[in-house]
Amino acid sequence: MAAGLKLAERLRSRPEPADEREPPLSGHIVIIGYGLNGLNVAHVLTETRIPHVVMEEDPARAEIARENGSRVVVADAASPEGLEA
């Protein structure tokens, strides 16, 4: 049982693979978290066409960010794996 919980936690902490159709970014802004402040910053950047990526570990919030026009990495920004994404 404990091994199953450890495996589940490890799998949850892996970043979601980037969409292969999106070209790589360089010189872009990274928004950590898509709470109220992240949403507002992403909205302004989207409207002004400034390239950015939202890093959010909650899949539901990540989906909202995608629907609002942001590129998204689903990962925990506090983990080494998330930062490599």
C-alpha atoms as a PDB file:
ATOM      1  CA  MET A   1       0.000   0.000   0.000  1.00  0.00           C
ATOM      2  CA  ALA A   2       2.740   2.482   0.933  1.00  0.00           C
ATOM      3  CA  ALA A   3       4.588   1.749  -2.313  1.00  0.00           C
ATOM      4  CA  GLY A   4       1.428   2.514  -4.279  1.00  0.00           C
ATOM      5  CA  LEU A   5       1.036   5.863  -2.530  1.00  0.00           C
ATOM      6  CA  LYS A   6       4.672   6.738  -3.211  1.00  0.00           C
ATOM      7  CA  LEU A   7       4.285   5.844  -6.883  1.00  0.00           C
ATOM      8  CA  ALA A   8       1.099   7.895  -7.177  1.00  0.00           C
ATOM      9  CA  GLU A   9       2.815  10.915  -5.616  1.00  0.00           C
ATOM     10  CA  ARG A  10       5.802  10.532  -7.925  1.00  0.00           C
ATOM     11  CA  LEU A  11       3.615  10.307 -11.014  1.00  0.00           C
ATOM     12  CA  ARG A  12       1.618  13.349  -9.912  1.00  0.00           C
ATOM     13  CA  SER A  13       4.804  15.380  -9.580  1.00  0.00           C
ATOM     14  CA  ARG A  14       5.936  14.702 -13.160  1.00  0.00           C
ATOM     15  CA  PRO A  15       5.427  17.604 -15.533  1.00  0.00           C
ATOM     16  CA  GLU A  16       2.958  17.185 -18.355  1.00  0.00           C
ATOM     17  CA  PRO A  17       4.779  16.931 -21.685  1.00  0.00           C
ATOM     18  CA  ALA A  18       4.754  20.071 -23.789  1.00  0.00           C
ATOM     19  CA  ASP A  19       2.592  20.129 -26.875  1.00  0.00           C
ATOM     20  CA  GLU A  20       4.826  19.119 -29.789  1.00  0.00           C
ATOM     21  CA  ARG A  21       2.944  21.434 -32.167  1.00  0.00           C
ATOM     22  CA  GLU A  22       3.953  24.556 -30.263  1.00  0.00           C
ATOM     23  CA  PRO A  23       7.274  26.099 -31.258  1.00  0.00           C
ATOM     24  CA  PRO A  24       9.814  26.519 -28.466  1.00  0.00           C
ATOM     25  CA  LEU A  25       9.825  29.866 -26.702  1.00  0.00           C
ATOM     26  CA  SER A  26      12.775  32.044 -25.858  1.00  0.00           C
ATOM     27  CA  GLY A  27      12.805  35.296 -23.933  1.00  0.00           C
ATOM     28  CA  HIS A  28       9.284  34.687 -22.637  1.00  0.00           C
ATOM     29  CA  ILE A  29       7.680  35.368 -19.268  1.00  0.00           C
ATOM     30  CA  VAL A  30       6.922  32.468 -16.932  1.00  0.00           C
ATOM     31  CA  ILE A  31       3.914  32.849 -14.651  1.00  0.00           C
ATOM     32  CA  ILE A  32       4.024  30.551 -11.640  1.00  0.00           C
ATOM     33  CA  GLY A  33       0.480  29.690 -10.609  1.00  0.00           C
ATOM     34  CA  TYR A  34      -2.852  30.600 -12.145  1.00  0.00           C
ATOM     35  CA  GLY A  35      -4.614  32.035  -9.134  1.00  0.00           C
ATOM     36  CA  LEU A  36      -6.069  35.546  -9.189  1.00  0.00           C
ATOM     37  CA  ASN A  37      -2.748  37.296  -9.782  1.00  0.00           C
ATOM     38  CA  GLY A  38      -1.504  34.777 -12.332  1.00  0.00           C
ATOM     39  CA  LEU A  39      -4.796  35.008 -14.211  1.00  0.00           C
ATOM     40  CA  ASN A  40      -4.612  38.812 -14.311  1.00  0.00           C
ATOM     41  CA  VAL A  41      -0.991  38.869 -15.468  1.00  0.00           C
ATOM     42  CA  ALA A  42      -1.675  36.218 -18.119  1.00  0.00           C
ATOM     43  CA  HIS A  43      -4.692  38.172 -19.361  1.00  0.00           C
ATOM     44  CA  VAL A  44      -2.633  41.333 -19.861  1.00  0.00           C
ATOM     45  CA  LEU A  45       0.182  39.413 -21.558  1.00  0.00           C
ATOM     46  CA  THR A  46      -2.244  37.608 -23.863  1.00  0.00           C
ATOM     47  CA  GLU A  47      -4.001  40.844 -24.821  1.00  0.00           C
ATOM     48  CA  THR A  48      -0.681  42.560 -25.552  1.00  0.00           C
ATOM     49  CA  ARG A  49       0.686  39.488 -27.367  1.00  0.00           C
ATOM     50  CA  ILE A  50       3.668  39.120 -25.063  1.00  0.00           C
ATOM     51  CA  PRO A  51       4.867  35.500 -25.096  1.00  0.00           C
ATOM     52  CA  HIS A  52       4.385  33.710 -21.808  1.00  0.00           C
ATOM     53  CA  VAL A  53       3.902  30.315 -20.219  1.00  0.00           C
ATOM     54  CA  VAL A  54       1.799  29.498 -17.180  1.00  0.00           C
ATOM     55  CA  MET A  55       3.149  26.836 -14.821  1.00  0.00           C
ATOM     56  CA  GLU A  56       0.302  25.395 -12.772  1.00  0.00           C
ATOM     57  CA  GLU A  57       0.103  22.096 -10.912  1.00  0.00           C
ATOM     58  CA  ASP A  58      -3.705  21.975 -10.694  1.00  0.00           C
ATOM     59  CA  PRO A  59      -4.990  20.430 -13.956  1.00  0.00           C
ATOM     60  CA  ALA A  60      -8.338  22.240 -13.682  1.00  0.00           C
ATOM     61  CA  ARG A  61      -6.681  25.654 -13.384  1.00  0.00           C
ATOM     62  CA  ALA A  62      -4.239  24.716 -16.141  1.00  0.00           C
ATOM     63  CA  GLU A  63      -7.153  23.959 -18.454  1.00  0.00           C
ATOM     64  CA  ILE A  64      -8.709  27.344 -17.696  1.00  0.00           C
ATOM     65  CA  ALA A  65      -5.393  29.020 -18.542  1.00  0.00           C
ATOM     66  CA  ARG A  66      -5.304  27.148 -21.871  1.00  0.00           C
ATOM     67  CA  GLU A  67      -8.877  28.138 -22.633  1.00  0.00           C
ATOM     68  CA  ASN A  68      -7.906  31.755 -21.959  1.00  0.00           C
ATOM     69  CA  GLY A  69      -5.102  31.604 -24.529  1.00  0.00           C
ATOM     70  CA  SER A  70      -1.987  30.851 -22.478  1.00  0.00           C
ATOM     71  CA  ARG A  71       0.586  28.172 -23.103  1.00  0.00           C
ATOM     72  CA  VAL A  72       0.648  25.933 -20.057  1.00  0.00           C
ATOM     73  CA  VAL A  73       2.981  23.500 -18.353  1.00  0.00           C
ATOM     74  CA  VAL A  74       1.238  21.338 -15.770  1.00  0.00           C
ATOM     75  CA  ALA A  75       3.909  20.900 -13.123  1.00  0.00           C
ATOM     76  CA  ASP A  76       4.888  21.795  -9.585  1.00  0.00           C
ATOM     77  CA  ALA A  77       7.213  24.796  -9.816  1.00  0.00           C
ATOM     78  CA  ALA A  78       8.735  23.856  -6.455  1.00  0.00           C
ATOM     79  CA  SER A  79      10.051  20.539  -7.788  1.00  0.00           C
ATOM     80  CA  PRO A  80      13.223  20.039  -9.842  1.00  0.00           C
ATOM     81  CA  GLU A  81      11.208  18.128 -12.467  1.00  0.00           C
ATOM     82  CA  GLY A  82       8.780  21.012 -12.797  1.00  0.00           C
ATOM     83  CA  LEU A  83      11.541  23.539 -13.277  1.00  0.00           C
ATOM     84  CA  GLU A  84      13.080  21.439 -16.043  1.00  0.00           C
ATOM     85  CA  ALA A  85       9.797  21.493 -17.953  1.00  0.00           C
END
